[in-house]
Amino acid sequence: MTERWAQKLSLAKLEQIKERLGLTELHGPDGGSFRPVLSARDQSVIGETRILVGEGVVKKVVYHAITADFIGLDSHMIFAFTDPESAVPHWTFDSVLNHPTYAFHLDLLPRVDLGSHRKYMEYVFGALDETFEAGKNHNGVSEAALGPIQRSIMSAWMLAYRVTAEEYPNMDQYVQKYLDRWYDLVENGFPEDVVDSIKDTDIAARDHANRGMIFNREIDHVWDLIGPLVGDVQSEMLRAQLETNEVVESVPADFTLAR
């Protein structure tokens, strides 16, 4: 059996985050993951949502997994969200097999406008320059099809690439380096001059607006692909869980998408 690298890399990082930051996992009524993801075709289990919560800088980590063998899909998404008022970036890693090609999306999501906050930009992302260059030039990668709007609401250090099956395990080195940089920011914060340089930003308000765009159905059309697999209500549940640091327990049972 071929090893499931999309899943393997994601679960390894999720468990690492949970252990290192001492986060608490929320469980469903059966003691398992927070919620199963059910197929719209026959209600079989095709994935799961796991949620970790914390009392420190990191408030909520969301893991969504969907595996649909009949279309060759094995998709795993992690978003690690910091406090709404914290300048520490969120961390994200998407790891996907769309047979026969792998793809990944890796980033630290800035909490202020980078175009007007040079000290913050250089402090947060300067340490990733070499990793970014190595990742985008790695053998066997090709650029993912993302539009300018999607790129503008993430960071310029985002790595979003398709990867051959042979090379995909080697992406772990870049994922770990981005994660290590994030740990450093979570655990050590910012120098005083960097903090002073971003005092003009209402960080919580910007985060609310930014996440509203990142997880907007009109901007990210991945939700158009997820809907037919899991149904409108579950699709909205998955999306809404990413938009807020609150734990979303349900969405209206009669929720439907305009088509």
Protein backbone atom coordinates (compact mmCIF):
# COMPACT_ATOMS: atom_id res chain seq x y z
CA MET A 1 0.00 0.00 0.00
CA THR A 2 1.33 3.43 -0.92
CA GLU A 3 2.09 5.57 2.10
CA ARG A 4 -0.34 8.45 2.59
CA TRP A 5 2.12 11.33 2.64
CA ALA A 6 -0.49 14.10 2.55
CA GLN A 7 -1.94 12.72 5.76
CA LYS A 8 1.37 11.73 7.31
CA LEU A 9 2.98 15.17 7.10
CA SER A 10 -0.14 16.90 8.41
CA LEU A 11 -0.81 14.65 11.38
CA ALA A 12 2.84 14.78 12.44
CA LYS A 13 2.70 18.59 12.60
CA LEU A 14 -0.68 18.63 14.33
CA GLU A 15 0.55 16.32 17.08
CA GLN A 16 3.77 18.29 17.38
CA ILE A 17 1.85 21.56 17.86
CA LYS A 18 -0.46 19.96 20.40
CA GLU A 19 2.40 18.59 22.49
CA ARG A 20 4.77 21.55 22.29
CA LEU A 21 2.16 24.19 23.13
CA GLY A 22 0.21 22.11 25.62
CA LEU A 23 -3.09 22.48 23.79
CA THR A 24 -6.29 20.68 24.72
CA GLU A 25 -8.14 18.62 22.13
CA LEU A 26 -11.92 18.84 21.99
CA HIS A 27 -13.70 15.56 21.40
CA GLY A 28 -17.08 14.55 20.08
CA PRO A 29 -19.72 12.61 22.03
CA ASP A 30 -18.03 9.32 21.20
CA GLY A 31 -14.67 10.50 22.55
CA GLY A 32 -13.12 10.67 19.08
CA SER A 33 -12.42 13.65 16.88
CA PHE A 34 -14.56 16.79 17.22
CA ARG A 35 -16.74 15.89 14.25
CA PRO A 36 -16.72 13.24 11.53
CA VAL A 37 -17.10 14.39 7.94
CA LEU A 38 -19.77 12.41 6.11
CA SER A 39 -20.16 11.74 2.42
CA ALA A 40 -23.09 13.44 0.72
CA ARG A 41 -23.50 10.30 -1.41
CA ASP A 42 -24.07 7.66 1.26
CA GLN A 43 -23.33 9.24 4.67
CA SER A 44 -20.18 7.15 5.11
CA VAL A 45 -17.31 8.71 7.05
CA ILE A 46 -14.83 10.30 4.63
CA GLY A 47 -12.95 12.59 7.00
CA GLU A 48 -12.83 14.41 10.29
CA THR A 49 -12.49 17.76 11.99
CA ARG A 50 -10.15 17.99 14.97
CA ILE A 51 -9.96 21.08 17.16
CA LEU A 52 -7.28 22.07 19.67
CA VAL A 53 -7.71 25.02 22.03
CA GLY A 54 -5.34 26.91 24.30
CA GLU A 55 -5.19 29.64 26.91
CA GLY A 56 -2.00 31.31 25.69
CA VAL A 57 -1.05 33.03 22.45
CA VAL A 58 -2.47 30.18 20.37
CA LYS A 59 -6.22 30.02 20.84
CA LYS A 60 -7.50 27.51 18.30
CA VAL A 61 -6.09 24.97 15.87
CA VAL A 62 -8.39 23.49 13.24
CA TYR A 63 -7.64 20.33 11.27
CA HIS A 64 -9.95 19.29 8.43
CA ALA A 65 -9.43 16.03 6.54
CA ILE A 66 -11.38 14.67 3.59
CA THR A 67 -10.46 11.45 1.81
CA ALA A 68 -12.51 10.52 -1.27
CA ASP A 69 -10.82 7.58 -2.94
CA PHE A 70 -13.35 7.48 -5.77
CA ILE A 71 -11.94 10.79 -7.08
CA GLY A 72 -8.35 10.26 -5.90
CA LEU A 73 -8.51 12.95 -3.18
CA ASP A 74 -6.69 12.91 0.16
CA SER A 75 -6.91 16.43 1.61
CA HIS A 76 -5.59 17.70 4.96
CA MET A 77 -5.71 21.29 6.22
CA ILE A 78 -4.28 22.82 9.40
CA PHE A 79 -4.84 26.39 10.55
CA ALA A 80 -3.29 27.44 13.86
CA PHE A 81 -4.86 30.69 15.02
CA THR A 82 -3.35 33.07 17.55
CA ASP A 83 -5.20 35.51 19.80
CA PRO A 84 -7.23 38.10 17.84
CA GLU A 85 -5.23 40.92 19.42
CA SER A 86 -1.83 39.26 19.01
CA ALA A 87 0.61 40.33 16.30
CA VAL A 88 1.93 36.77 16.10
CA PRO A 89 0.96 35.34 12.69
CA HIS A 90 -1.36 32.42 12.22
CA TRP A 91 0.30 29.31 10.78
CA THR A 92 -1.22 27.20 8.03
CA PHE A 93 -0.39 24.06 6.12
CA ASP A 94 -2.54 22.44 3.43
CA SER A 95 -1.39 19.00 2.30
CA VAL A 96 -3.26 17.37 -0.56
CA LEU A 97 -3.07 14.40 -2.87
CA ASN A 98 -5.18 14.91 -5.99
CA HIS A 99 -4.05 11.70 -7.63
CA PRO A 100 -1.46 11.43 -9.01
CA THR A 101 -0.10 14.85 -7.97
CA TYR A 102 0.52 16.27 -4.53
CA ALA A 103 0.09 19.92 -3.60
CA PHE A 104 0.80 21.99 -0.52
CA HIS A 105 0.17 25.47 0.81
CA LEU A 106 2.39 26.76 3.61
CA ASP A 107 2.39 30.22 5.16
CA LEU A 108 2.55 32.49 8.17
CA LEU A 109 -0.42 34.85 7.92
CA PRO A 110 0.68 38.41 8.79
CA ARG A 111 -1.38 40.35 11.30
CA VAL A 112 -0.57 43.82 9.95
CA ASP A 113 -0.22 45.32 6.48
CA LEU A 114 3.26 44.38 5.32
CA GLY A 115 3.41 47.18 2.78
CA SER A 116 3.51 49.81 5.52
CA HIS A 117 5.25 47.95 8.37
CA ARG A 118 8.78 47.16 7.32
CA LYS A 119 10.13 46.31 10.78
CA TYR A 120 7.41 43.76 11.37
CA MET A 121 7.82 42.29 7.89
CA GLU A 122 11.57 41.91 8.18
CA TYR A 123 11.41 40.52 11.71
CA VAL A 124 8.72 37.94 11.03
CA PHE A 125 9.65 36.85 7.53
CA GLY A 126 13.32 37.70 7.08
CA ALA A 127 14.26 34.47 8.84
CA LEU A 128 12.35 32.55 6.15
CA ASP A 129 14.05 34.04 3.09
CA GLU A 130 16.39 31.12 2.45
CA THR A 131 13.70 28.52 3.13
CA PHE A 132 11.29 30.30 0.79
CA GLU A 133 13.84 30.40 -2.02
CA ALA A 134 14.79 26.76 -1.53
CA GLY A 135 11.17 25.64 -1.38
CA LYS A 136 10.04 27.35 -4.56
CA ASN A 137 13.11 26.11 -6.45
CA HIS A 138 12.96 22.53 -5.17
CA ASN A 139 13.18 19.86 -7.83
CA GLY A 140 9.79 18.56 -8.94
CA VAL A 141 7.62 21.51 -7.86
CA SER A 142 5.38 23.69 -10.04
CA GLU A 143 3.44 26.76 -9.03
CA ALA A 144 -0.18 26.33 -7.95
CA ALA A 145 -2.90 28.29 -9.73
CA LEU A 146 -3.76 31.05 -7.27
CA GLY A 147 -5.17 34.39 -8.30
CA PRO A 148 -3.81 37.79 -7.23
CA ILE A 149 -6.59 38.33 -4.70
CA GLN A 150 -5.75 35.10 -2.88
CA ARG A 151 -2.07 35.97 -2.90
CA SER A 152 -2.71 39.50 -1.61
CA ILE A 153 -4.51 38.28 1.51
CA MET A 154 -1.79 35.83 2.50
CA SER A 155 1.95 36.66 2.61
CA ALA A 156 4.57 37.04 -0.11
CA TRP A 157 6.44 34.17 1.60
CA MET A 158 3.60 31.76 0.92
CA LEU A 159 4.73 28.47 -0.62
CA ALA A 160 1.90 27.06 -2.75
CA TYR A 161 3.09 24.41 -5.17
CA ARG A 162 2.20 21.16 -6.88
CA VAL A 163 4.76 18.43 -6.25
CA THR A 164 5.58 15.06 -7.76
CA ALA A 165 4.87 12.00 -5.62
CA GLU A 166 8.58 11.18 -5.48
CA GLU A 167 9.52 14.55 -4.06
CA TYR A 168 6.58 15.20 -1.76
CA PRO A 169 8.11 13.65 1.39
CA ASN A 170 10.98 16.13 1.02
CA MET A 171 8.60 19.07 1.51
CA ASP A 172 8.62 18.28 5.21
CA GLN A 173 11.86 20.21 5.68
CA TYR A 174 10.20 23.47 4.58
CA VAL A 175 7.08 22.82 6.61
CA GLN A 176 9.18 22.28 9.73
CA LYS A 177 11.23 25.43 9.22
CA TYR A 178 8.12 27.57 8.82
CA LEU A 179 6.70 25.90 11.91
CA ASP A 180 9.90 26.46 13.90
CA ARG A 181 9.81 30.16 13.00
CA TRP A 182 6.21 30.31 14.18
CA TYR A 183 7.09 28.60 17.48
CA ASP A 184 9.78 31.22 18.05
CA LEU A 185 7.29 34.05 17.56
CA VAL A 186 4.66 32.35 19.71
CA GLU A 187 7.07 31.68 22.55
CA ASN A 188 9.24 34.80 22.43
CA GLY A 189 7.13 37.55 20.89
CA PHE A 190 8.61 40.71 19.39
CA PRO A 191 11.31 43.24 20.25
CA GLU A 192 10.01 46.53 21.62
CA ASP A 193 10.82 48.48 18.45
CA VAL A 194 8.73 46.07 16.36
CA VAL A 195 5.83 46.37 18.79
CA ASP A 196 6.07 50.16 18.66
CA SER A 197 6.07 50.13 14.86
CA ILE A 198 2.66 48.43 14.60
CA LYS A 199 0.74 50.42 17.20
CA ASP A 200 -1.19 52.14 14.40
CA THR A 201 -2.99 48.87 13.59
CA ASP A 202 -6.20 47.61 15.14
CA ILE A 203 -4.96 44.04 14.97
CA ALA A 204 -8.22 42.36 16.00
CA ALA A 205 -10.26 44.33 13.45
CA ARG A 206 -7.76 43.58 10.69
CA ASP A 207 -7.79 39.89 11.59
CA HIS A 208 -11.57 39.75 11.43
CA ALA A 209 -11.55 41.35 7.99
CA ASN A 210 -8.63 39.26 6.73
CA ARG A 211 -10.12 35.93 7.80
CA GLY A 212 -13.43 36.99 6.32
CA MET A 213 -11.66 37.25 2.97
CA ILE A 214 -9.44 34.18 3.24
CA PHE A 215 -12.45 31.96 3.94
CA ASN A 216 -14.84 33.71 1.58
CA ARG A 217 -16.57 31.39 -0.87
CA GLU A 218 -16.38 33.95 -3.68
CA ILE A 219 -12.60 34.29 -3.27
CA ASP A 220 -11.58 30.69 -2.58
CA HIS A 221 -13.44 28.38 -4.93
CA VAL A 222 -12.24 25.26 -3.13
CA TRP A 223 -15.57 25.42 -1.31
CA ASP A 224 -17.31 24.83 -4.64
CA LEU A 225 -15.46 21.51 -4.82
CA ILE A 226 -16.08 20.52 -1.20
CA GLY A 227 -19.82 21.18 -1.28
CA PRO A 228 -20.75 18.33 -3.63
CA LEU A 229 -18.62 15.90 -1.60
CA VAL A 230 -20.07 16.61 1.84
CA GLY A 231 -23.25 18.63 1.25
CA ASP A 232 -24.02 22.29 1.87
CA VAL A 233 -24.47 22.13 5.65
CA GLN A 234 -21.21 20.30 6.33
CA SER A 235 -19.35 22.48 3.83
CA GLU A 236 -20.52 25.57 5.70
CA MET A 237 -19.57 24.00 9.03
CA LEU A 238 -16.04 23.37 7.79
CA ARG A 239 -15.73 26.91 6.44
CA ALA A 240 -17.26 28.65 9.46
CA GLN A 241 -14.94 26.79 11.85
CA LEU A 242 -12.01 28.61 10.23
CA GLU A 243 -13.50 32.09 10.30
CA THR A 244 -13.58 32.54 14.08
CA ASN A 245 -11.65 31.54 17.19
CA GLU A 246 -14.95 30.51 18.76
CA VAL A 247 -15.78 26.82 18.50
CA VAL A 248 -18.60 26.48 15.99
CA GLU A 249 -20.98 23.76 17.16
CA SER A 250 -23.50 23.93 14.33
CA VAL A 251 -24.86 25.87 11.38
CA PRO A 252 -28.55 26.08 10.39
CA ALA A 253 -29.80 22.68 9.27
CA ASP A 254 -31.56 24.32 6.32
CA PHE A 255 -28.42 26.10 5.09
CA THR A 256 -28.15 26.00 1.32
CA LEU A 257 -25.76 27.58 -1.14
CA ALA A 258 -26.97 29.81 -3.92
CA ARG A 259 -26.13 28.09 -7.19
